[in-house]
Amino acid sequence: LNPLIDQFDHSFIIDKNDPLFEAFKKINQDFGLKLTTVDFCPTAEALAKYIYDYIKEKFEKAGLLNEVNIYKVIIWETKTSKAEYIGEGI
């Protein structure tokens, strides 16, 4: 999971189709903003699904899906607000 953590930790996450993408890309170039580009609207709910899919793919490639059940991913937005994604077919 370290590559995923490194990618998103202290990063500004933006959809590549966002109308402000080019402006943030320039800010990134000018000021060194850590920018992560995704191809979806980066809500907490969508990020939870993205992380779930990432983990599932890694486990599948490692041949571990028969040994490990990935149930859900929870993203905490604040101390009291969270978004979660429960895998399909669970």
N, C-alpha and C. Protein backbone atom coordinates (compact mmCIF):
# COMPACT_ATOMS: atom_id res chain seq x y z
N LEU A 1 0.80 -1.21 0.00
CA LEU A 1 0.00 0.00 0.00
C LEU A 1 0.85 1.27 0.00
N ASN A 2 2.14 1.13 0.26
CA ASN A 2 2.98 2.33 0.34
C ASN A 2 2.93 3.20 -0.91
N PRO A 3 2.94 2.63 -2.12
CA PRO A 3 2.84 3.51 -3.30
C PRO A 3 1.55 4.33 -3.32
N LEU A 4 0.46 3.72 -2.89
CA LEU A 4 -0.82 4.43 -2.84
C LEU A 4 -0.78 5.53 -1.79
N ILE A 5 -0.23 5.22 -0.63
CA ILE A 5 -0.12 6.22 0.44
C ILE A 5 0.77 7.37 -0.02
N ASP A 6 1.91 7.04 -0.62
CA ASP A 6 2.81 8.09 -1.11
C ASP A 6 2.15 8.97 -2.17
N GLN A 7 1.32 8.36 -3.00
CA GLN A 7 0.64 9.10 -4.06
C GLN A 7 -0.34 10.13 -3.49
N PHE A 8 -1.11 9.74 -2.48
CA PHE A 8 -2.19 10.60 -2.00
C PHE A 8 -1.85 11.43 -0.75
N ASP A 9 -0.84 11.03 0.00
CA ASP A 9 -0.52 11.72 1.25
C ASP A 9 -0.13 13.17 0.99
N HIS A 10 -0.80 14.09 1.63
CA HIS A 10 -0.55 15.53 1.49
C HIS A 10 -0.58 15.98 0.02
N SER A 11 -1.55 15.46 -0.70
CA SER A 11 -1.66 15.76 -2.12
C SER A 11 -3.00 16.44 -2.41
N PHE A 12 -2.97 17.33 -3.37
CA PHE A 12 -4.21 17.92 -3.87
C PHE A 12 -4.69 16.99 -4.98
N ILE A 13 -5.87 16.42 -4.82
CA ILE A 13 -6.39 15.44 -5.76
C ILE A 13 -7.42 16.13 -6.66
N ILE A 14 -7.21 16.00 -7.96
CA ILE A 14 -8.10 16.68 -8.90
C ILE A 14 -8.43 15.76 -10.08
N ASP A 15 -9.67 15.86 -10.53
CA ASP A 15 -10.13 15.15 -11.72
C ASP A 15 -9.48 15.79 -12.94
N LYS A 16 -8.92 14.97 -13.82
CA LYS A 16 -8.27 15.52 -15.02
C LYS A 16 -9.24 16.26 -15.92
N ASN A 17 -10.55 16.03 -15.73
CA ASN A 17 -11.57 16.71 -16.52
C ASN A 17 -12.13 17.95 -15.82
N ASP A 18 -11.60 18.28 -14.66
CA ASP A 18 -12.05 19.46 -13.92
C ASP A 18 -11.71 20.71 -14.74
N PRO A 19 -12.63 21.66 -14.85
CA PRO A 19 -12.34 22.87 -15.63
C PRO A 19 -11.17 23.68 -15.07
N LEU A 20 -10.82 23.48 -13.82
CA LEU A 20 -9.69 24.20 -13.22
C LEU A 20 -8.39 23.40 -13.25
N PHE A 21 -8.41 22.26 -13.91
CA PHE A 21 -7.22 21.40 -13.92
C PHE A 21 -5.98 22.12 -14.42
N GLU A 22 -6.08 22.81 -15.53
CA GLU A 22 -4.90 23.49 -16.10
C GLU A 22 -4.37 24.56 -15.15
N ALA A 23 -5.26 25.26 -14.45
CA ALA A 23 -4.82 26.28 -13.49
C ALA A 23 -4.05 25.64 -12.34
N PHE A 24 -4.57 24.52 -11.83
CA PHE A 24 -3.87 23.84 -10.73
C PHE A 24 -2.57 23.20 -11.21
N LYS A 25 -2.55 22.75 -12.45
CA LYS A 25 -1.33 22.20 -13.02
C LYS A 25 -0.24 23.28 -13.06
N LYS A 26 -0.64 24.52 -13.43
CA LYS A 26 0.32 25.63 -13.46
C LYS A 26 0.79 25.98 -12.05
N ILE A 27 -0.13 25.99 -11.09
CA ILE A 27 0.25 26.25 -9.70
C ILE A 27 1.24 25.19 -9.24
N ASN A 28 0.98 23.95 -9.62
CA ASN A 28 1.89 22.86 -9.28
C ASN A 28 3.28 23.13 -9.83
N GLN A 29 3.36 23.54 -11.08
CA GLN A 29 4.65 23.81 -11.71
C GLN A 29 5.34 25.01 -11.06
N ASP A 30 4.57 26.05 -10.75
CA ASP A 30 5.16 27.29 -10.22
C ASP A 30 5.54 27.19 -8.74
N PHE A 31 4.74 26.45 -7.96
CA PHE A 31 4.94 26.47 -6.51
C PHE A 31 5.18 25.10 -5.88
N GLY A 32 5.22 24.07 -6.67
CA GLY A 32 5.53 22.75 -6.13
C GLY A 32 4.40 22.10 -5.37
N LEU A 33 3.16 22.46 -5.70
CA LEU A 33 2.01 21.80 -5.09
C LEU A 33 2.03 20.33 -5.47
N LYS A 34 1.83 19.45 -4.49
CA LYS A 34 1.76 18.03 -4.80
C LYS A 34 0.38 17.75 -5.38
N LEU A 35 0.35 17.43 -6.65
CA LEU A 35 -0.90 17.28 -7.39
C LEU A 35 -1.04 15.83 -7.83
N THR A 36 -2.19 15.23 -7.52
CA THR A 36 -2.51 13.89 -7.99
C THR A 36 -3.72 13.98 -8.89
N THR A 37 -3.58 13.47 -10.11
CA THR A 37 -4.64 13.53 -11.10
C THR A 37 -5.35 12.18 -11.16
N VAL A 38 -6.67 12.22 -11.14
CA VAL A 38 -7.48 11.01 -11.28
C VAL A 38 -8.49 11.23 -12.39
N ASP A 39 -9.16 10.16 -12.80
CA ASP A 39 -10.15 10.29 -13.88
C ASP A 39 -11.57 10.13 -13.35
N PHE A 40 -11.78 10.64 -12.14
CA PHE A 40 -13.10 10.65 -11.52
C PHE A 40 -13.17 11.83 -10.56
N CYS A 41 -14.38 12.21 -10.19
CA CYS A 41 -14.55 13.29 -9.22
C CYS A 41 -14.07 12.77 -7.85
N PRO A 42 -13.03 13.36 -7.27
CA PRO A 42 -12.40 12.79 -6.08
C PRO A 42 -13.13 13.08 -4.76
N THR A 43 -14.36 12.60 -4.68
CA THR A 43 -15.09 12.67 -3.41
C THR A 43 -14.56 11.57 -2.49
N ALA A 44 -14.85 11.66 -1.23
CA ALA A 44 -14.42 10.62 -0.29
C ALA A 44 -14.99 9.27 -0.69
N GLU A 45 -16.24 9.26 -1.15
CA GLU A 45 -16.87 8.01 -1.58
C GLU A 45 -16.14 7.40 -2.78
N ALA A 46 -15.81 8.24 -3.75
CA ALA A 46 -15.11 7.75 -4.94
C ALA A 46 -13.69 7.31 -4.61
N LEU A 47 -13.03 8.01 -3.68
CA LEU A 47 -11.69 7.60 -3.27
C LEU A 47 -11.72 6.26 -2.54
N ALA A 48 -12.76 6.03 -1.74
CA ALA A 48 -12.89 4.74 -1.05
C ALA A 48 -13.00 3.61 -2.07
N LYS A 49 -13.80 3.82 -3.11
CA LYS A 49 -13.93 2.79 -4.16
C LYS A 49 -12.60 2.62 -4.90
N TYR A 50 -11.92 3.70 -5.20
CA TYR A 50 -10.64 3.64 -5.89
C TYR A 50 -9.63 2.82 -5.08
N ILE A 51 -9.58 3.07 -3.79
CA ILE A 51 -8.65 2.34 -2.92
C ILE A 51 -9.04 0.87 -2.82
N TYR A 52 -10.34 0.61 -2.70
CA TYR A 52 -10.82 -0.78 -2.67
C TYR A 52 -10.38 -1.51 -3.94
N ASP A 53 -10.62 -0.90 -5.10
CA ASP A 53 -10.25 -1.52 -6.37
C ASP A 53 -8.74 -1.72 -6.48
N TYR A 54 -7.97 -0.77 -5.98
CA TYR A 54 -6.51 -0.87 -5.99
C TYR A 54 -6.05 -2.07 -5.16
N ILE A 55 -6.58 -2.17 -3.95
CA ILE A 55 -6.19 -3.28 -3.07
C ILE A 55 -6.62 -4.62 -3.69
N LYS A 56 -7.83 -4.67 -4.20
CA LYS A 56 -8.33 -5.91 -4.81
C LYS A 56 -7.44 -6.34 -5.97
N GLU A 57 -7.05 -5.39 -6.81
CA GLU A 57 -6.17 -5.71 -7.94
C GLU A 57 -4.82 -6.25 -7.47
N LYS A 58 -4.24 -5.62 -6.45
CA LYS A 58 -2.94 -6.07 -5.93
C LYS A 58 -3.05 -7.47 -5.35
N PHE A 59 -4.11 -7.74 -4.59
CA PHE A 59 -4.31 -9.07 -4.02
C PHE A 59 -4.55 -10.10 -5.11
N GLU A 60 -5.29 -9.71 -6.14
CA GLU A 60 -5.56 -10.62 -7.25
C GLU A 60 -4.27 -10.99 -7.97
N LYS A 61 -3.42 -9.99 -8.25
CA LYS A 61 -2.14 -10.24 -8.91
C LYS A 61 -1.23 -11.13 -8.07
N ALA A 62 -1.35 -11.01 -6.74
CA ALA A 62 -0.53 -11.81 -5.84
C ALA A 62 -1.15 -13.19 -5.58
N GLY A 63 -2.32 -13.45 -6.17
CA GLY A 63 -2.99 -14.73 -5.97
C GLY A 63 -3.57 -14.91 -4.58
N LEU A 64 -3.96 -13.83 -3.94
CA LEU A 64 -4.44 -13.89 -2.56
C LEU A 64 -5.94 -13.74 -2.40
N LEU A 65 -6.68 -13.53 -3.48
CA LEU A 65 -8.11 -13.27 -3.34
C LEU A 65 -8.88 -14.46 -2.77
N ASN A 66 -8.37 -15.66 -2.94
CA ASN A 66 -9.03 -16.83 -2.34
C ASN A 66 -8.71 -16.96 -0.86
N GLU A 67 -7.68 -16.26 -0.40
CA GLU A 67 -7.25 -16.36 0.99
C GLU A 67 -7.68 -15.15 1.84
N VAL A 68 -7.91 -14.03 1.18
CA VAL A 68 -8.22 -12.79 1.89
C VAL A 68 -9.53 -12.23 1.35
N ASN A 69 -10.43 -11.88 2.24
CA ASN A 69 -11.69 -11.25 1.84
C ASN A 69 -11.59 -9.74 2.09
N ILE A 70 -11.64 -8.99 1.02
CA ILE A 70 -11.63 -7.53 1.15
C ILE A 70 -13.08 -7.11 1.25
N TYR A 71 -13.48 -6.62 2.39
CA TYR A 71 -14.88 -6.31 2.62
C TYR A 71 -15.22 -4.86 2.29
N LYS A 72 -14.50 -3.92 2.92
CA LYS A 72 -14.81 -2.51 2.67
C LYS A 72 -13.62 -1.62 2.97
N VAL A 73 -13.70 -0.41 2.44
CA VAL A 73 -12.72 0.63 2.71
C VAL A 73 -13.47 1.81 3.29
N ILE A 74 -12.93 2.36 4.36
CA ILE A 74 -13.52 3.53 5.01
C ILE A 74 -12.56 4.71 4.89
N ILE A 75 -13.07 5.84 4.46
CA ILE A 75 -12.31 7.09 4.40
C ILE A 75 -12.92 8.03 5.43
N TRP A 76 -12.12 8.43 6.39
CA TRP A 76 -12.59 9.39 7.40
C TRP A 76 -12.28 10.79 6.90
N GLU A 77 -13.32 11.60 6.75
CA GLU A 77 -13.16 12.98 6.32
C GLU A 77 -12.86 13.89 7.52
N THR A 78 -13.53 13.62 8.62
CA THR A 78 -13.34 14.33 9.89
C THR A 78 -13.48 13.28 10.99
N LYS A 79 -13.44 13.72 12.24
CA LYS A 79 -13.61 12.78 13.36
C LYS A 79 -14.99 12.13 13.37
N THR A 80 -15.96 12.79 12.78
CA THR A 80 -17.33 12.28 12.84
C THR A 80 -17.95 11.98 11.47
N SER A 81 -17.23 12.21 10.40
CA SER A 81 -17.78 12.02 9.06
C SER A 81 -16.92 11.05 8.27
N LYS A 82 -17.57 10.06 7.69
CA LYS A 82 -16.81 9.07 6.93
C LYS A 82 -17.58 8.67 5.67
N ALA A 83 -16.85 8.12 4.74
CA ALA A 83 -17.43 7.52 3.54
C ALA A 83 -16.87 6.11 3.46
N GLU A 84 -17.72 5.18 3.05
CA GLU A 84 -17.22 3.82 2.93
C GLU A 84 -17.70 3.18 1.64
N TYR A 85 -16.89 2.26 1.16
CA TYR A 85 -17.25 1.50 -0.02
C TYR A 85 -17.21 0.03 0.35
N ILE A 86 -18.32 -0.65 0.12
CA ILE A 86 -18.40 -2.09 0.34
C ILE A 86 -18.37 -2.75 -1.03
N GLY A 87 -17.48 -3.71 -1.19
CA GLY A 87 -17.30 -4.36 -2.47
C GLY A 87 -18.56 -4.96 -3.04
N GLU A 88 -18.62 -4.98 -4.35
CA GLU A 88 -19.78 -5.55 -5.03
C GLU A 88 -19.82 -7.06 -4.80
N GLY A 89 -21.02 -7.59 -4.65
CA GLY A 89 -21.19 -9.02 -4.46
C GLY A 89 -20.87 -9.51 -3.06
N ILE A 90 -20.70 -8.58 -2.12
CA ILE A 90 -20.39 -8.96 -0.74
C ILE A 90 -21.68 -9.15 0.02
